[in-house]
Amino acid sequence: MSDTCIFCRIFRGEIPAEEVRRTPESLVFRDTNPHAPTHLLVIPKRHVSDLGTFVAEAPAEEIGDFLKVVGEAGRSETTGGYRVVSNEGADGGQTVHHLHFHVMGGRKMAWPPG
């Protein structure tokens, strides 16, 4: 984990977050600037900048466990469906360079998203 990364610091408990679920390798918490009635962030403990890097570096079991937590968060916190978004790189809109998935629900989502 990184000493300066905000998500690493949240995972370690140095910065408070409204936790929804914690496993040894991942954390689900509520976004402080929600864009939907339900807006969760799911982060891995491993400090990795983005999905492409995570898939290239992490063991398949770790990737599978992380994706399982993402799906469980969506199913347990929403009804009627949800959207999962991961921004990657500057053009993708990524502002925190620690892999994270947004899980959003609680309303009908528009398409295209952006």
C-alpha atoms as a PDB file:
ATOM      1  CA  MET A   1       0.000   0.000   0.000  1.00  0.00           C
ATOM      2  CA  SER A   2       1.041   3.582  -0.618  1.00  0.00           C
ATOM      3  CA  ASP A   3       1.704   6.003   2.242  1.00  0.00           C
ATOM      4  CA  THR A   4       0.130   8.937   0.386  1.00  0.00           C
ATOM      5  CA  CYS A   5      -2.707   7.365  -1.653  1.00  0.00           C
ATOM      6  CA  ILE A   6      -6.076   8.465  -0.264  1.00  0.00           C
ATOM      7  CA  PHE A   7      -7.662   5.047  -0.896  1.00  0.00           C
ATOM      8  CA  CYS A   8      -4.768   3.205   0.759  1.00  0.00           C
ATOM      9  CA  ARG A   9      -5.183   5.519   3.747  1.00  0.00           C
ATOM     10  CA  ILE A  10      -8.935   4.836   3.834  1.00  0.00           C
ATOM     11  CA  PHE A  11      -8.269   1.087   3.701  1.00  0.00           C
ATOM     12  CA  ARG A  12      -5.879   1.399   6.667  1.00  0.00           C
ATOM     13  CA  GLY A  13      -8.456   3.426   8.637  1.00  0.00           C
ATOM     14  CA  GLU A  14      -6.380   6.613   8.663  1.00  0.00           C
ATOM     15  CA  ILE A  15      -9.166   8.506   6.884  1.00  0.00           C
ATOM     16  CA  PRO A  16     -12.750   7.800   7.972  1.00  0.00           C
ATOM     17  CA  ALA A  17     -15.212   6.290   5.520  1.00  0.00           C
ATOM     18  CA  GLU A  18     -18.726   4.935   5.814  1.00  0.00           C
ATOM     19  CA  GLU A  19     -17.848   1.286   5.341  1.00  0.00           C
ATOM     20  CA  VAL A  20     -20.401  -1.104   3.882  1.00  0.00           C
ATOM     21  CA  ARG A  21     -18.238  -4.225   3.737  1.00  0.00           C
ATOM     22  CA  ARG A  22     -14.631  -5.154   4.390  1.00  0.00           C
ATOM     23  CA  THR A  23     -12.742  -8.288   3.444  1.00  0.00           C
ATOM     24  CA  PRO A  24      -9.032  -8.910   3.995  1.00  0.00           C
ATOM     25  CA  GLU A  25      -8.337  -7.789   0.404  1.00  0.00           C
ATOM     26  CA  SER A  26     -11.095  -5.259  -0.426  1.00  0.00           C
ATOM     27  CA  LEU A  27     -13.245  -2.478   0.982  1.00  0.00           C
ATOM     28  CA  VAL A  28     -16.697  -1.194   0.024  1.00  0.00           C
ATOM     29  CA  PHE A  29     -17.654   2.271   1.253  1.00  0.00           C
ATOM     30  CA  ARG A  30     -20.108   5.056   0.423  1.00  0.00           C
ATOM     31  CA  ASP A  31     -18.942   7.811  -1.918  1.00  0.00           C
ATOM     32  CA  THR A  32     -18.831  11.211  -0.181  1.00  0.00           C
ATOM     33  CA  ASN A  33     -19.940  12.915  -3.421  1.00  0.00           C
ATOM     34  CA  PRO A  34     -22.679  10.553  -4.669  1.00  0.00           C
ATOM     35  CA  HIS A  35     -24.044  10.732  -8.206  1.00  0.00           C
ATOM     36  CA  ALA A  36     -26.936   8.353  -7.493  1.00  0.00           C
ATOM     37  CA  PRO A  37     -29.055   7.500  -4.439  1.00  0.00           C
ATOM     38  CA  THR A  38     -26.721   4.551  -3.879  1.00  0.00           C
ATOM     39  CA  HIS A  39     -23.102   5.263  -4.794  1.00  0.00           C
ATOM     40  CA  LEU A  40     -20.464   2.922  -3.446  1.00  0.00           C
ATOM     41  CA  LEU A  41     -16.748   2.676  -4.096  1.00  0.00           C
ATOM     42  CA  VAL A  42     -15.048  -0.711  -4.104  1.00  0.00           C
ATOM     43  CA  ILE A  43     -11.260  -0.754  -3.750  1.00  0.00           C
ATOM     44  CA  PRO A  44      -8.677  -3.501  -3.490  1.00  0.00           C
ATOM     45  CA  LYS A  45      -6.153  -3.472  -0.650  1.00  0.00           C
ATOM     46  CA  ARG A  46      -3.420  -3.842  -3.270  1.00  0.00           C
ATOM     47  CA  HIS A  47      -2.246  -0.422  -4.437  1.00  0.00           C
ATOM     48  CA  VAL A  48      -2.610  -0.647  -8.180  1.00  0.00           C
ATOM     49  CA  SER A  49      -3.405   2.300 -10.416  1.00  0.00           C
ATOM     50  CA  ASP A  50      -6.047   0.867 -12.719  1.00  0.00           C
ATOM     51  CA  LEU A  51      -7.942  -2.163 -13.972  1.00  0.00           C
ATOM     52  CA  GLY A  52      -5.496  -2.936 -16.783  1.00  0.00           C
ATOM     53  CA  THR A  53      -2.581  -3.059 -14.363  1.00  0.00           C
ATOM     54  CA  PHE A  54      -4.561  -5.095 -11.813  1.00  0.00           C
ATOM     55  CA  VAL A  55      -5.499  -7.709 -14.419  1.00  0.00           C
ATOM     56  CA  ALA A  56      -1.885  -7.882 -15.649  1.00  0.00           C
ATOM     57  CA  GLU A  57      -0.327  -8.198 -12.177  1.00  0.00           C
ATOM     58  CA  ALA A  58      -2.745  -9.869  -9.759  1.00  0.00           C
ATOM     59  CA  PRO A  59      -3.349 -13.616  -9.506  1.00  0.00           C
ATOM     60  CA  ALA A  60      -6.609 -14.764 -11.101  1.00  0.00           C
ATOM     61  CA  GLU A  61      -8.044 -15.742  -7.712  1.00  0.00           C
ATOM     62  CA  GLU A  62      -7.499 -12.229  -6.345  1.00  0.00           C
ATOM     63  CA  ILE A  63      -9.153 -10.688  -9.417  1.00  0.00           C
ATOM     64  CA  GLY A  64     -12.101 -13.067  -9.103  1.00  0.00           C
ATOM     65  CA  ASP A  65     -12.534 -12.370  -5.395  1.00  0.00           C
ATOM     66  CA  PHE A  66     -12.478  -8.614  -6.026  1.00  0.00           C
ATOM     67  CA  LEU A  67     -15.080  -8.832  -8.780  1.00  0.00           C
ATOM     68  CA  LYS A  68     -17.238 -11.014  -6.545  1.00  0.00           C
ATOM     69  CA  VAL A  69     -17.198  -8.273  -3.873  1.00  0.00           C
ATOM     70  CA  VAL A  70     -18.196  -5.693  -6.524  1.00  0.00           C
ATOM     71  CA  GLY A  71     -21.180  -7.818  -7.594  1.00  0.00           C
ATOM     72  CA  GLU A  72     -22.228  -8.580  -4.025  1.00  0.00           C
ATOM     73  CA  ALA A  73     -22.131  -4.870  -3.177  1.00  0.00           C
ATOM     74  CA  GLY A  74     -24.425  -4.061  -6.093  1.00  0.00           C
ATOM     75  CA  ARG A  75     -26.892  -6.816  -5.289  1.00  0.00           C
ATOM     76  CA  SER A  76     -27.009  -6.123  -1.554  1.00  0.00           C
ATOM     77  CA  GLU A  77     -27.273  -2.330  -1.694  1.00  0.00           C
ATOM     78  CA  THR A  78     -29.595  -1.764  -4.667  1.00  0.00           C
ATOM     79  CA  THR A  79     -32.876  -2.995  -6.100  1.00  0.00           C
ATOM     80  CA  GLY A  80     -33.899  -2.946  -9.736  1.00  0.00           C
ATOM     81  CA  GLY A  81     -30.342  -2.994 -11.071  1.00  0.00           C
ATOM     82  CA  TYR A  82     -27.137  -1.056 -10.748  1.00  0.00           C
ATOM     83  CA  ARG A  83     -24.250   0.293 -12.792  1.00  0.00           C
ATOM     84  CA  VAL A  84     -20.562  -0.516 -12.303  1.00  0.00           C
ATOM     85  CA  VAL A  85     -18.011   2.005 -13.616  1.00  0.00           C
ATOM     86  CA  SER A  86     -14.236   2.053 -13.531  1.00  0.00           C
ATOM     87  CA  ASN A  87     -12.506   5.099 -14.996  1.00  0.00           C
ATOM     88  CA  GLU A  88      -9.018   4.515 -16.374  1.00  0.00           C
ATOM     89  CA  GLY A  89      -6.493   7.184 -17.283  1.00  0.00           C
ATOM     90  CA  ALA A  90      -6.951  10.903 -17.884  1.00  0.00           C
ATOM     91  CA  ASP A  91      -9.217  10.486 -20.924  1.00  0.00           C
ATOM     92  CA  GLY A  92     -11.317   7.966 -18.989  1.00  0.00           C
ATOM     93  CA  GLY A  93     -11.889  10.486 -16.204  1.00  0.00           C
ATOM     94  CA  GLN A  94      -9.746   8.814 -13.529  1.00  0.00           C
ATOM     95  CA  THR A  95      -8.852  11.248 -10.741  1.00  0.00           C
ATOM     96  CA  VAL A  96      -7.677   8.867  -7.990  1.00  0.00           C
ATOM     97  CA  HIS A  97      -4.969   6.550  -9.269  1.00  0.00           C
ATOM     98  CA  HIS A  98      -5.905   3.529  -7.181  1.00  0.00           C
ATOM     99  CA  LEU A  99      -8.215   1.022  -8.849  1.00  0.00           C
ATOM    100  CA  HIS A 100     -11.790   1.566  -7.761  1.00  0.00           C
ATOM    101  CA  PHE A 101     -15.203   0.635  -9.061  1.00  0.00           C
ATOM    102  CA  HIS A 102     -18.207   2.894  -8.646  1.00  0.00           C
ATOM    103  CA  VAL A 103     -21.365   0.892  -7.922  1.00  0.00           C
ATOM    104  CA  MET A 104     -24.396   3.122  -8.483  1.00  0.00           C
ATOM    105  CA  GLY A 105     -28.110   2.449  -8.243  1.00  0.00           C
ATOM    106  CA  GLY A 106     -31.372   3.562  -6.725  1.00  0.00           C
ATOM    107  CA  ARG A 107     -32.605   5.272  -9.886  1.00  0.00           C
ATOM    108  CA  LYS A 108     -32.877   4.587 -13.594  1.00  0.00           C
ATOM    109  CA  MET A 109     -29.512   5.174 -15.235  1.00  0.00           C
ATOM    110  CA  ALA A 110     -29.308   7.125 -18.505  1.00  0.00           C
ATOM    111  CA  TRP A 111     -27.380   5.998 -21.574  1.00  0.00           C
ATOM    112  CA  PRO A 112     -24.945   7.030 -22.937  1.00  0.00           C
ATOM    113  CA  PRO A 113     -23.348   7.903 -19.611  1.00  0.00           C
ATOM    114  CA  GLY A 114     -20.897  10.547 -20.811  1.00  0.00           C
END
